[in-house]
Amino acid sequence: MEVSPIENDTSLPECPVELTLSLIGNKWKFLIVRDLLVETKRFSVLKRSIGHISQKVLTDNLRQLEASGIVKRQVYAEVPPRVEYSLTPLGQSLDSVLDAMMTWGDHYKSQYRH
């Protein structure tokens, strides 16, 4: 099993919610995880599926998720090189978190539809 570099960090927040937010707490990271839960994607496909995200922001967020052990980057020795992104088993475990957010979002929409 791969050990995330963050596991050795003694400055991790004590609160589990704060820790989770520090790892995936922006909208882009949630959308990246959402789309990678469906299938492995190449950078350009992931960028299109997310929508209005710049290449730099996507790259930065993917690097952060990779450093946290949530996303795996696979480079294939081809010409031109092919790079694919997928979730690690740790990243796949976020499925229930996103399911809960989807359920809550649906509930909110049904309660506060104008």
PDB file of N, CA and C in Angstrom:
ATOM      1  N   MET A   1       0.841  -1.188   0.000  1.00  0.00           N
ATOM      2  CA  MET A   1       0.000   0.000   0.000  1.00  0.00           C
ATOM      3  C   MET A   1       0.877   1.239   0.000  1.00  0.00           C
ATOM      4  N   GLU A   2       0.524   2.205  -0.846  1.00  0.00           N
ATOM      5  CA  GLU A   2       1.276   3.438  -0.917  1.00  0.00           C
ATOM      6  C   GLU A   2       0.984   4.301   0.305  1.00  0.00           C
ATOM      7  N   VAL A   3       2.020   4.949   0.799  1.00  0.00           N
ATOM      8  CA  VAL A   3       1.853   5.856   1.919  1.00  0.00           C
ATOM      9  C   VAL A   3       1.844   7.271   1.374  1.00  0.00           C
ATOM     10  N   SER A   4       0.832   7.999   1.715  1.00  0.00           N
ATOM     11  CA  SER A   4       0.725   9.382   1.275  1.00  0.00           C
ATOM     12  C   SER A   4       1.769  10.218   1.979  1.00  0.00           C
ATOM     13  N   PRO A   5       2.407  11.169   1.273  1.00  0.00           N
ATOM     14  CA  PRO A   5       3.386  12.036   1.911  1.00  0.00           C
ATOM     15  C   PRO A   5       2.790  12.826   3.068  1.00  0.00           C
ATOM     16  N   ILE A   6       1.502  13.047   3.030  1.00  0.00           N
ATOM     17  CA  ILE A   6       0.875  13.829   4.081  1.00  0.00           C
ATOM     18  C   ILE A   6       0.792  13.057   5.400  1.00  0.00           C
ATOM     19  N   GLU A   7       0.848  11.716   5.326  1.00  0.00           N
ATOM     20  CA  GLU A   7       0.740  10.907   6.545  1.00  0.00           C
ATOM     21  C   GLU A   7       1.903  11.145   7.500  1.00  0.00           C
ATOM     22  N   ASN A   8       3.026  11.565   6.997  1.00  0.00           N
ATOM     23  CA  ASN A   8       4.194  11.795   7.839  1.00  0.00           C
ATOM     24  C   ASN A   8       4.264  13.224   8.344  1.00  0.00           C
ATOM     25  N   ASP A   9       3.302  14.046   8.005  1.00  0.00           N
ATOM     26  CA  ASP A   9       3.297  15.451   8.380  1.00  0.00           C
ATOM     27  C   ASP A   9       2.696  15.600   9.766  1.00  0.00           C
ATOM     28  N   THR A  10       3.489  16.083  10.716  1.00  0.00           N
ATOM     29  CA  THR A  10       3.004  16.245  12.082  1.00  0.00           C
ATOM     30  C   THR A  10       2.154  17.491  12.245  1.00  0.00           C
ATOM     31  N   SER A  11       2.044  18.313  11.200  1.00  0.00           N
ATOM     32  CA  SER A  11       1.249  19.536  11.301  1.00  0.00           C
ATOM     33  C   SER A  11      -0.175  19.334  10.777  1.00  0.00           C
ATOM     34  N   LEU A  12      -0.607  18.108  10.634  1.00  0.00           N
ATOM     35  CA  LEU A  12      -1.971  17.846  10.159  1.00  0.00           C
ATOM     36  C   LEU A  12      -2.983  18.348  11.180  1.00  0.00           C
ATOM     37  N   PRO A  13      -4.085  18.903  10.708  1.00  0.00           N
ATOM     38  CA  PRO A  13      -5.130  19.344  11.635  1.00  0.00           C
ATOM     39  C   PRO A  13      -5.654  18.178  12.461  1.00  0.00           C
ATOM     40  N   GLU A  14      -5.984  18.445  13.694  1.00  0.00           N
ATOM     41  CA  GLU A  14      -6.550  17.418  14.571  1.00  0.00           C
ATOM     42  C   GLU A  14      -7.974  17.067  14.162  1.00  0.00           C
ATOM     43  N   CYS A  15      -8.718  18.054  13.731  1.00  0.00           N
ATOM     44  CA  CYS A  15     -10.124  17.854  13.365  1.00  0.00           C
ATOM     45  C   CYS A  15     -10.208  17.145  12.019  1.00  0.00           C
ATOM     46  N   PRO A  16     -10.909  16.003  11.943  1.00  0.00           N
ATOM     47  CA  PRO A  16     -11.027  15.274  10.676  1.00  0.00           C
ATOM     48  C   PRO A  16     -11.705  16.079   9.570  1.00  0.00           C
ATOM     49  N   VAL A  17     -12.673  16.919   9.918  1.00  0.00           N
ATOM     50  CA  VAL A  17     -13.341  17.742   8.905  1.00  0.00           C
ATOM     51  C   VAL A  17     -12.349  18.754   8.340  1.00  0.00           C
ATOM     52  N   GLU A  18     -11.585  19.385   9.221  1.00  0.00           N
ATOM     53  CA  GLU A  18     -10.578  20.351   8.767  1.00  0.00           C
ATOM     54  C   GLU A  18      -9.526  19.673   7.891  1.00  0.00           C
ATOM     55  N   LEU A  19      -9.117  18.470   8.247  1.00  0.00           N
ATOM     56  CA  LEU A  19      -8.150  17.721   7.445  1.00  0.00           C
ATOM     57  C   LEU A  19      -8.714  17.431   6.063  1.00  0.00           C
ATOM     58  N   THR A  20      -9.950  16.949   6.011  1.00  0.00           N
ATOM     59  CA  THR A  20     -10.581  16.643   4.728  1.00  0.00           C
ATOM     60  C   THR A  20     -10.657  17.895   3.863  1.00  0.00           C
ATOM     61  N   LEU A  21     -11.069  18.996   4.448  1.00  0.00           N
ATOM     62  CA  LEU A  21     -11.158  20.251   3.699  1.00  0.00           C
ATOM     63  C   LEU A  21      -9.788  20.722   3.232  1.00  0.00           C
ATOM     64  N   SER A  22      -8.755  20.485   4.026  1.00  0.00           N
ATOM     65  CA  SER A  22      -7.419  20.901   3.605  1.00  0.00           C
ATOM     66  C   SER A  22      -6.933  20.083   2.407  1.00  0.00           C
ATOM     67  N   LEU A  23      -7.441  18.869   2.248  1.00  0.00           N
ATOM     68  CA  LEU A  23      -7.024  18.010   1.135  1.00  0.00           C
ATOM     69  C   LEU A  23      -7.872  18.218  -0.118  1.00  0.00           C
ATOM     70  N   ILE A  24      -9.174  18.377   0.048  1.00  0.00           N
ATOM     71  CA  ILE A  24     -10.054  18.460  -1.131  1.00  0.00           C
ATOM     72  C   ILE A  24     -11.045  19.607  -1.023  1.00  0.00           C
ATOM     73  N   GLY A  25     -10.704  20.635  -0.277  1.00  0.00           N
ATOM     74  CA  GLY A  25     -11.656  21.663   0.071  1.00  0.00           C
ATOM     75  C   GLY A  25     -11.862  22.805  -0.896  1.00  0.00           C
ATOM     76  N   ASN A  26     -11.640  22.602  -2.169  1.00  0.00           N
ATOM     77  CA  ASN A  26     -12.047  23.644  -3.108  1.00  0.00           C
ATOM     78  C   ASN A  26     -12.903  23.010  -4.197  1.00  0.00           C
ATOM     79  N   LYS A  27     -13.661  23.840  -4.898  1.00  0.00           N
ATOM     80  CA  LYS A  27     -14.625  23.285  -5.852  1.00  0.00           C
ATOM     81  C   LYS A  27     -13.950  22.494  -6.957  1.00  0.00           C
ATOM     82  N   TRP A  28     -12.757  22.901  -7.369  1.00  0.00           N
ATOM     83  CA  TRP A  28     -12.089  22.204  -8.466  1.00  0.00           C
ATOM     84  C   TRP A  28     -11.696  20.798  -8.061  1.00  0.00           C
ATOM     85  N   LYS A  29     -11.176  20.649  -6.855  1.00  0.00           N
ATOM     86  CA  LYS A  29     -10.770  19.309  -6.399  1.00  0.00           C
ATOM     87  C   LYS A  29     -11.975  18.383  -6.295  1.00  0.00           C
ATOM     88  N   PHE A  30     -13.080  18.900  -5.794  1.00  0.00           N
ATOM     89  CA  PHE A  30     -14.294  18.082  -5.721  1.00  0.00           C
ATOM     90  C   PHE A  30     -14.736  17.656  -7.119  1.00  0.00           C
ATOM     91  N   LEU A  31     -14.685  18.573  -8.072  1.00  0.00           N
ATOM     92  CA  LEU A  31     -15.105  18.237  -9.435  1.00  0.00           C
ATOM     93  C   LEU A  31     -14.141  17.264 -10.103  1.00  0.00           C
ATOM     94  N   ILE A  32     -12.854  17.391  -9.824  1.00  0.00           N
ATOM     95  CA  ILE A  32     -11.866  16.437 -10.350  1.00  0.00           C
ATOM     96  C   ILE A  32     -12.165  15.049  -9.809  1.00  0.00           C
ATOM     97  N   VAL A  33     -12.348  14.957  -8.497  1.00  0.00           N
ATOM     98  CA  VAL A  33     -12.649  13.658  -7.879  1.00  0.00           C
ATOM     99  C   VAL A  33     -13.960  13.106  -8.430  1.00  0.00           C
ATOM    100  N   ARG A  34     -14.972  13.944  -8.541  1.00  0.00           N
ATOM    101  CA  ARG A  34     -16.266  13.506  -9.097  1.00  0.00           C
ATOM    102  C   ARG A  34     -16.090  12.860 -10.463  1.00  0.00           C
ATOM    103  N   ASP A  35     -15.333  13.525 -11.335  1.00  0.00           N
ATOM    104  CA  ASP A  35     -15.178  13.018 -12.693  1.00  0.00           C
ATOM    105  C   ASP A  35     -14.279  11.784 -12.756  1.00  0.00           C
ATOM    106  N   LEU A  36     -13.285  11.704 -11.879  1.00  0.00           N
ATOM    107  CA  LEU A  36     -12.406  10.529 -11.877  1.00  0.00           C
ATOM    108  C   LEU A  36     -13.053   9.334 -11.191  1.00  0.00           C
ATOM    109  N   LEU A  37     -14.102   9.556 -10.409  1.00  0.00           N
ATOM    110  CA  LEU A  37     -14.836   8.426  -9.840  1.00  0.00           C
ATOM    111  C   LEU A  37     -15.501   7.615 -10.939  1.00  0.00           C
ATOM    112  N   VAL A  38     -15.852   8.276 -12.030  1.00  0.00           N
ATOM    113  CA  VAL A  38     -16.522   7.605 -13.144  1.00  0.00           C
ATOM    114  C   VAL A  38     -15.531   6.758 -13.929  1.00  0.00           C
ATOM    115  N   GLU A  39     -14.374   7.343 -14.264  1.00  0.00           N
ATOM    116  CA  GLU A  39     -13.376   6.612 -15.048  1.00  0.00           C
ATOM    117  C   GLU A  39     -12.057   7.370 -15.078  1.00  0.00           C
ATOM    118  N   THR A  40     -11.007   6.669 -15.465  1.00  0.00           N
ATOM    119  CA  THR A  40      -9.699   7.267 -15.704  1.00  0.00           C
ATOM    120  C   THR A  40      -9.819   8.215 -16.889  1.00  0.00           C
ATOM    121  N   LYS A  41      -9.155   9.366 -16.793  1.00  0.00           N
ATOM    122  CA  LYS A  41      -9.263  10.349 -17.865  1.00  0.00           C
ATOM    123  C   LYS A  41      -7.902  10.946 -18.209  1.00  0.00           C
ATOM    124  N   ARG A  42      -7.759  11.313 -19.468  1.00  0.00           N
ATOM    125  CA  ARG A  42      -6.619  12.100 -19.901  1.00  0.00           C
ATOM    126  C   ARG A  42      -6.870  13.553 -19.519  1.00  0.00           C
ATOM    127  N   PHE A  43      -5.803  14.347 -19.470  1.00  0.00           N
ATOM    128  CA  PHE A  43      -5.892  15.730 -19.038  1.00  0.00           C
ATOM    129  C   PHE A  43      -6.943  16.501 -19.833  1.00  0.00           C
ATOM    130  N   SER A  44      -6.879  16.420 -21.156  1.00  0.00           N
ATOM    131  CA  SER A  44      -7.791  17.212 -21.995  1.00  0.00           C
ATOM    132  C   SER A  44      -9.247  16.799 -21.796  1.00  0.00           C
ATOM    133  N   VAL A  45      -9.493  15.527 -21.612  1.00  0.00           N
ATOM    134  CA  VAL A  45     -10.858  15.032 -21.381  1.00  0.00           C
ATOM    135  C   VAL A  45     -11.352  15.512 -20.015  1.00  0.00           C
ATOM    136  N   LEU A  46     -10.486  15.464 -19.025  1.00  0.00           N
ATOM    137  CA  LEU A  46     -10.832  15.930 -17.682  1.00  0.00           C
ATOM    138  C   LEU A  46     -11.134  17.428 -17.711  1.00  0.00           C
ATOM    139  N   LYS A  47     -10.325  18.187 -18.422  1.00  0.00           N
ATOM    140  CA  LYS A  47     -10.533  19.637 -18.522  1.00  0.00           C
ATOM    141  C   LYS A  47     -11.895  19.939 -19.153  1.00  0.00           C
ATOM    142  N   ARG A  48     -12.235  19.235 -20.208  1.00  0.00           N
ATOM    143  CA  ARG A  48     -13.530  19.442 -20.869  1.00  0.00           C
ATOM    144  C   ARG A  48     -14.687  19.044 -19.960  1.00  0.00           C
ATOM    145  N   SER A  49     -14.522  17.964 -19.231  1.00  0.00           N
ATOM    146  CA  SER A  49     -15.627  17.477 -18.399  1.00  0.00           C
ATOM    147  C   SER A  49     -15.893  18.404 -17.211  1.00  0.00           C
ATOM    148  N   ILE A  50     -14.866  19.090 -16.742  1.00  0.00           N
ATOM    149  CA  ILE A  50     -15.035  19.997 -15.605  1.00  0.00           C
ATOM    150  C   ILE A  50     -15.644  21.320 -16.049  1.00  0.00           C
ATOM    151  N   GLY A  51     -15.247  21.797 -17.207  1.00  0.00           N
ATOM    152  CA  GLY A  51     -15.832  23.046 -17.705  1.00  0.00           C
ATOM    153  C   GLY A  51     -14.867  24.205 -17.614  1.00  0.00           C
ATOM    154  N   HIS A  52     -15.288  25.267 -16.964  1.00  0.00           N
ATOM    155  CA  HIS A  52     -14.546  26.527 -16.950  1.00  0.00           C
ATOM    156  C   HIS A  52     -13.400  26.508 -15.944  1.00  0.00           C
ATOM    157  N   ILE A  53     -12.370  25.759 -16.268  1.00  0.00           N
ATOM    158  CA  ILE A  53     -11.165  25.695 -15.432  1.00  0.00           C
ATOM    159  C   ILE A  53      -9.979  25.915 -16.353  1.00  0.00           C
ATOM    160  N   SER A  54      -9.041  26.723 -15.904  1.00  0.00           N
ATOM    161  CA  SER A  54      -7.864  26.971 -16.739  1.00  0.00           C
ATOM    162  C   SER A  54      -6.917  25.779 -16.657  1.00  0.00           C
ATOM    163  N   GLN A  55      -6.056  25.680 -17.632  1.00  0.00           N
ATOM    164  CA  GLN A  55      -5.079  24.597 -17.658  1.00  0.00           C
ATOM    165  C   GLN A  55      -4.184  24.657 -16.426  1.00  0.00           C
ATOM    166  N   LYS A  56      -3.763  25.855 -16.029  1.00  0.00           N
ATOM    167  CA  LYS A  56      -2.884  26.018 -14.873  1.00  0.00           C
ATOM    168  C   LYS A  56      -3.567  25.575 -13.584  1.00  0.00           C
ATOM    169  N   VAL A  57      -4.818  25.994 -13.413  1.00  0.00           N
ATOM    170  CA  VAL A  57      -5.548  25.631 -12.193  1.00  0.00           C
ATOM    171  C   VAL A  57      -5.766  24.121 -12.138  1.00  0.00           C
ATOM    172  N   LEU A  58      -6.112  23.519 -13.260  1.00  0.00           N
ATOM    173  CA  LEU A  58      -6.288  22.066 -13.296  1.00  0.00           C
ATOM    174  C   LEU A  58      -4.978  21.362 -12.975  1.00  0.00           C
ATOM    175  N   THR A  59      -3.897  21.800 -13.588  1.00  0.00           N
ATOM    176  CA  THR A  59      -2.584  21.201 -13.325  1.00  0.00           C
ATOM    177  C   THR A  59      -2.200  21.320 -11.856  1.00  0.00           C
ATOM    178  N   ASP A  60      -2.372  22.509 -11.281  1.00  0.00           N
ATOM    179  CA  ASP A  60      -2.024  22.719  -9.865  1.00  0.00           C
ATOM    180  C   ASP A  60      -2.843  21.826  -8.949  1.00  0.00           C
ATOM    181  N   ASN A  61      -4.147  21.728  -9.216  1.00  0.00           N
ATOM    182  CA  ASN A  61      -5.004  20.896  -8.373  1.00  0.00           C
ATOM    183  C   ASN A  61      -4.693  19.418  -8.525  1.00  0.00           C
ATOM    184  N   LEU A  62      -4.404  18.972  -9.739  1.00  0.00           N
ATOM    185  CA  LEU A  62      -4.027  17.572  -9.945  1.00  0.00           C
ATOM    186  C   LEU A  62      -2.735  17.252  -9.204  1.00  0.00           C
ATOM    187  N   ARG A  63      -1.771  18.159  -9.248  1.00  0.00           N
ATOM    188  CA  ARG A  63      -0.499  17.939  -8.533  1.00  0.00           C
ATOM    189  C   ARG A  63      -0.722  17.844  -7.031  1.00  0.00           C
ATOM    190  N   GLN A  64      -1.584  18.711  -6.498  1.00  0.00           N
ATOM    191  CA  GLN A  64      -1.876  18.670  -5.066  1.00  0.00           C
ATOM    192  C   GLN A  64      -2.584  17.367  -4.679  1.00  0.00           C
ATOM    193  N   LEU A  65      -3.535  16.953  -5.496  1.00  0.00           N
ATOM    194  CA  LEU A  65      -4.235  15.702  -5.218  1.00  0.00           C
ATOM    195  C   LEU A  65      -3.303  14.508  -5.339  1.00  0.00           C
ATOM    196  N   GLU A  66      -2.363  14.569  -6.274  1.00  0.00           N
ATOM    197  CA  GLU A  66      -1.376  13.497  -6.419  1.00  0.00           C
ATOM    198  C   GLU A  66      -0.453  13.459  -5.201  1.00  0.00           C
ATOM    199  N   ALA A  67       0.010  14.620  -4.747  1.00  0.00           N
ATOM    200  CA  ALA A  67       0.887  14.687  -3.570  1.00  0.00           C
ATOM    201  C   ALA A  67       0.191  14.186  -2.314  1.00  0.00           C
ATOM    202  N   SER A  68      -1.127  14.327  -2.268  1.00  0.00           N
ATOM    203  CA  SER A  68      -1.906  13.873  -1.112  1.00  0.00           C
ATOM    204  C   SER A  68      -2.270  12.395  -1.185  1.00  0.00           C
ATOM    205  N   GLY A  69      -1.929  11.742  -2.298  1.00  0.00           N
ATOM    206  CA  GLY A  69      -2.228  10.322  -2.430  1.00  0.00           C
ATOM    207  C   GLY A  69      -3.649  10.031  -2.877  1.00  0.00           C
ATOM    208  N   ILE A  70      -4.341  11.041  -3.428  1.00  0.00           N
ATOM    209  CA  ILE A  70      -5.730  10.870  -3.847  1.00  0.00           C
ATOM    210  C   ILE A  70      -5.828  10.543  -5.329  1.00  0.00           C
ATOM    211  N   VAL A  71      -4.938  11.121  -6.121  1.00  0.00           N
ATOM    212  CA  VAL A  71      -4.922  10.916  -7.570  1.00  0.00           C
ATOM    213  C   VAL A  71      -3.606  10.266  -7.974  1.00  0.00           C
ATOM    214  N   LYS A  72      -3.701   9.388  -8.958  1.00  0.00           N
ATOM    215  CA  LYS A  72      -2.518   8.736  -9.532  1.00  0.00           C
ATOM    216  C   LYS A  72      -2.340   9.251 -10.958  1.00  0.00           C
ATOM    217  N   ARG A  73      -1.126   9.622 -11.289  1.00  0.00           N
ATOM    218  CA  ARG A  73      -0.779  10.086 -12.639  1.00  0.00           C
ATOM    219  C   ARG A  73       0.033   8.985 -13.307  1.00  0.00           C
ATOM    220  N   GLN A  74      -0.451   8.499 -14.428  1.00  0.00           N
ATOM    221  CA  GLN A  74       0.219   7.414 -15.165  1.00  0.00           C
ATOM    222  C   GLN A  74       0.706   7.959 -16.502  1.00  0.00           C
ATOM    223  N   VAL A  75       2.021   7.902 -16.720  1.00  0.00           N
ATOM    224  CA  VAL A  75       2.616   8.352 -17.978  1.00  0.00           C
ATOM    225  C   VAL A  75       2.985   7.118 -18.789  1.00  0.00           C
ATOM    226  N   TYR A  76       2.546   7.077 -20.049  1.00  0.00           N
ATOM    227  CA  TYR A  76       2.848   5.965 -20.933  1.00  0.00           C
ATOM    228  C   TYR A  76       3.954   6.384 -21.894  1.00  0.00           C
ATOM    229  N   ALA A  77       4.903   5.489 -22.115  1.00  0.00           N
ATOM    230  CA  ALA A  77       6.038   5.758 -22.999  1.00  0.00           C
ATOM    231  C   ALA A  77       5.609   5.588 -24.447  1.00  0.00           C
ATOM    232  N   GLU A  78       4.914   6.576 -24.942  1.00  0.00           N
ATOM    233  CA  GLU A  78       4.430   6.572 -26.313  1.00  0.00           C
ATOM    234  C   GLU A  78       4.824   7.895 -26.954  1.00  0.00           C
ATOM    235  N   VAL A  79       4.728   7.947 -28.265  1.00  0.00           N
ATOM    236  CA  VAL A  79       4.962   9.197 -28.970  1.00  0.00           C
ATOM    237  C   VAL A  79       3.690   9.546 -29.713  1.00  0.00           C
ATOM    238  N   PRO A  80       3.033  10.652 -29.377  1.00  0.00           N
ATOM    239  CA  PRO A  80       3.334  11.549 -28.257  1.00  0.00           C
ATOM    240  C   PRO A  80       2.988  10.878 -26.922  1.00  0.00           C
ATOM    241  N   PRO A  81       3.597  11.366 -25.844  1.00  0.00           N
ATOM    242  CA  PRO A  81       3.339  10.754 -24.539  1.00  0.00           C
ATOM    243  C   PRO A  81       1.863  10.848 -24.161  1.00  0.00           C
ATOM    244  N   ARG A  82       1.390   9.804 -23.534  1.00  0.00           N
ATOM    245  CA  ARG A  82       0.008   9.760 -23.058  1.00  0.00           C
ATOM    246  C   ARG A  82       0.043   9.775 -21.537  1.00  0.00           C
ATOM    247  N   VAL A  83      -0.740  10.666 -20.937  1.00  0.00           N
ATOM    248  CA  VAL A  83      -0.826  10.774 -19.482  1.00  0.00           C
ATOM    249  C   VAL A  83      -2.282  10.593 -19.086  1.00  0.00           C
ATOM    250  N   GLU A  84      -2.514   9.720 -18.117  1.00  0.00           N
ATOM    251  CA  GLU A  84      -3.863   9.483 -17.623  1.00  0.00           C
ATOM    252  C   GLU A  84      -3.909   9.697 -16.116  1.00  0.00           C
ATOM    253  N   TYR A  85      -5.046  10.162 -15.672  1.00  0.00           N
ATOM    254  CA  TYR A  85      -5.267  10.400 -14.247  1.00  0.00           C
ATOM    255  C   TYR A  85      -6.384   9.488 -13.761  1.00  0.00           C
ATOM    256  N   SER A  86      -6.176   8.934 -12.583  1.00  0.00           N
ATOM    257  CA  SER A  86      -7.181   8.081 -11.965  1.00  0.00           C
ATOM    258  C   SER A  86      -7.114   8.289 -10.458  1.00  0.00           C
ATOM    259  N   LEU A  87      -8.118   7.779  -9.771  1.00  0.00           N
ATOM    260  CA  LEU A  87      -8.112   7.860  -8.314  1.00  0.00           C
ATOM    261  C   LEU A  87      -7.381   6.661  -7.733  1.00  0.00           C
ATOM    262  N   THR A  88      -6.648   6.901  -6.680  1.00  0.00           N
ATOM    263  CA  THR A  88      -6.053   5.812  -5.916  1.00  0.00           C
ATOM    264  C   THR A  88      -7.185   5.170  -5.102  1.00  0.00           C
ATOM    265  N   PRO A  89      -6.932   4.048  -4.462  1.00  0.00           N
ATOM    266  CA  PRO A  89      -7.964   3.490  -3.567  1.00  0.00           C
ATOM    267  C   PRO A  89      -8.405   4.498  -2.499  1.00  0.00           C
ATOM    268  N   LEU A  90      -7.469   5.295  -1.996  1.00  0.00           N
ATOM    269  CA  LEU A  90      -7.816   6.329  -1.028  1.00  0.00           C
ATOM    270  C   LEU A  90      -8.753   7.353  -1.665  1.00  0.00           C
ATOM    271  N   GLY A  91      -8.456   7.758  -2.888  1.00  0.00           N
ATOM    272  CA  GLY A  91      -9.312   8.696  -3.610  1.00  0.00           C
ATOM    273  C   GLY A  91     -10.693   8.114  -3.882  1.00  0.00           C
ATOM    274  N   GLN A  92     -10.740   6.839  -4.212  1.00  0.00           N
ATOM    275  CA  GLN A  92     -12.034   6.187  -4.465  1.00  0.00           C
ATOM    276  C   GLN A  92     -12.896   6.141  -3.219  1.00  0.00           C
ATOM    277  N   SER A  93     -12.260   6.162  -2.058  1.00  0.00           N
ATOM    278  CA  SER A  93     -13.033   6.133  -0.811  1.00  0.00           C
ATOM    279  C   SER A  93     -13.801   7.436  -0.586  1.00  0.00           C
ATOM    280  N   LEU A  94     -13.529   8.472  -1.385  1.00  0.00           N
ATOM    281  CA  LEU A  94     -14.285   9.726  -1.296  1.00  0.00           C
ATOM    282  C   LEU A  94     -15.664   9.615  -1.937  1.00  0.00           C
ATOM    283  N   ASP A  95     -15.970   8.489  -2.551  1.00  0.00           N
ATOM    284  CA  ASP A  95     -17.258   8.273  -3.205  1.00  0.00           C
ATOM    285  C   ASP A  95     -18.414   8.554  -2.255  1.00  0.00           C
ATOM    286  N   SER A  96     -18.339   8.061  -1.041  1.00  0.00           N
ATOM    287  CA  SER A  96     -19.438   8.267  -0.094  1.00  0.00           C
ATOM    288  C   SER A  96     -19.562   9.733   0.316  1.00  0.00           C
ATOM    289  N   VAL A  97     -18.447  10.452   0.350  1.00  0.00           N
ATOM    290  CA  VAL A  97     -18.478  11.880   0.670  1.00  0.00           C
ATOM    291  C   VAL A  97     -19.223  12.635  -0.423  1.00  0.00           C
ATOM    292  N   LEU A  98     -18.884  12.353  -1.683  1.00  0.00           N
ATOM    293  CA  LEU A  98     -19.555  13.026  -2.788  1.00  0.00           C
ATOM    294  C   LEU A  98     -21.018  12.608  -2.900  1.00  0.00           C
ATOM    295  N   ASP A  99     -21.329  11.345  -2.601  1.00  0.00           N
ATOM    296  CA  ASP A  99     -22.732  10.908  -2.588  1.00  0.00           C
ATOM    297  C   ASP A  99     -23.530  11.699  -1.559  1.00  0.00           C
ATOM    298  N   ALA A 100     -22.952  11.886  -0.364  1.00  0.00           N
ATOM    299  CA  ALA A 100     -23.639  12.645   0.684  1.00  0.00           C
ATOM    300  C   ALA A 100     -23.834  14.096   0.249  1.00  0.00           C
ATOM    301  N   MET A 101     -22.842  14.677  -0.419  1.00  0.00           N
ATOM    302  CA  MET A 101     -22.972  16.054  -0.900  1.00  0.00           C
ATOM    303  C   MET A 101     -24.055  16.154  -1.974  1.00  0.00           C
ATOM    304  N   MET A 102     -24.142  15.157  -2.851  1.00  0.00           N
ATOM    305  CA  MET A 102     -25.163  15.154  -3.893  1.00  0.00           C
ATOM    306  C   MET A 102     -26.555  15.050  -3.267  1.00  0.00           C
ATOM    307  N   THR A 103     -26.696  14.181  -2.294  1.00  0.00           N
ATOM    308  CA  THR A 103     -27.977  14.017  -1.615  1.00  0.00           C
ATOM    309  C   THR A 103     -28.389  15.314  -0.933  1.00  0.00           C
ATOM    310  N   TRP A 104     -27.451  15.931  -0.241  1.00  0.00           N
ATOM    311  CA  TRP A 104     -27.754  17.184   0.449  1.00  0.00           C
ATOM    312  C   TRP A 104     -28.089  18.283  -0.558  1.00  0.00           C
ATOM    313  N   GLY A 105     -27.339  18.361  -1.654  1.00  0.00           N
ATOM    314  CA  GLY A 105     -27.611  19.361  -2.694  1.00  0.00           C
ATOM    315  C   GLY A 105     -28.993  19.191  -3.294  1.00  0.00           C
ATOM    316  N   ASP A 106     -29.387  17.952  -3.551  1.00  0.00           N
ATOM    317  CA  ASP A 106     -30.735  17.686  -4.063  1.00  0.00           C
ATOM    318  C   ASP A 106     -31.793  18.116  -3.052  1.00  0.00           C
ATOM    319  N   HIS A 107     -31.542  17.814  -1.781  1.00  0.00           N
ATOM    320  CA  HIS A 107     -32.469  18.213  -0.723  1.00  0.00           C
ATOM    321  C   HIS A 107     -32.586  19.734  -0.668  1.00  0.00           C
ATOM    322  N   TYR A 108     -31.468  20.407  -0.719  1.00  0.00           N
ATOM    323  CA  TYR A 108     -31.468  21.872  -0.675  1.00  0.00           C
ATOM    324  C   TYR A 108     -32.268  22.447  -1.839  1.00  0.00           C
ATOM    325  N   LYS A 109     -32.008  21.930  -3.037  1.00  0.00           N
ATOM    326  CA  LYS A 109     -32.733  22.421  -4.218  1.00  0.00           C
ATOM    327  C   LYS A 109     -34.239  22.220  -4.057  1.00  0.00           C
ATOM    328  N   SER A 110     -34.640  21.080  -3.513  1.00  0.00           N
ATOM    329  CA  SER A 110     -36.075  20.813  -3.371  1.00  0.00           C
ATOM    330  C   SER A 110     -36.717  21.706  -2.307  1.00  0.00           C
ATOM    331  N   GLN A 111     -35.957  22.104  -1.302  1.00  0.00           N
ATOM    332  CA  GLN A 111     -36.490  22.938  -0.229  1.00  0.00           C
ATOM    333  C   GLN A 111     -36.502  24.426  -0.547  1.00  0.00           C
ATOM    334  N   TYR A 112     -35.537  24.858  -1.355  1.00  0.00           N
ATOM    335  CA  TYR A 112     -35.353  26.297  -1.560  1.00  0.00           C
ATOM    336  C   TYR A 112     -35.420  26.703  -3.019  1.00  0.00           C
ATOM    337  N   ARG A 113     -36.181  25.973  -3.778  1.00  0.00           N
ATOM    338  CA  ARG A 113     -36.366  26.314  -5.189  1.00  0.00           C
ATOM    339  C   ARG A 113     -37.224  27.576  -5.279  1.00  0.00           C
ATOM    340  N   HIS A 114     -36.767  28.522  -6.063  1.00  0.00           N
ATOM    341  CA  HIS A 114     -37.502  29.803  -6.195  1.00  0.00           C
ATOM    342  C   HIS A 114     -38.206  29.871  -7.514  1.00  0.00           C
TER     343      HIS A 114
END
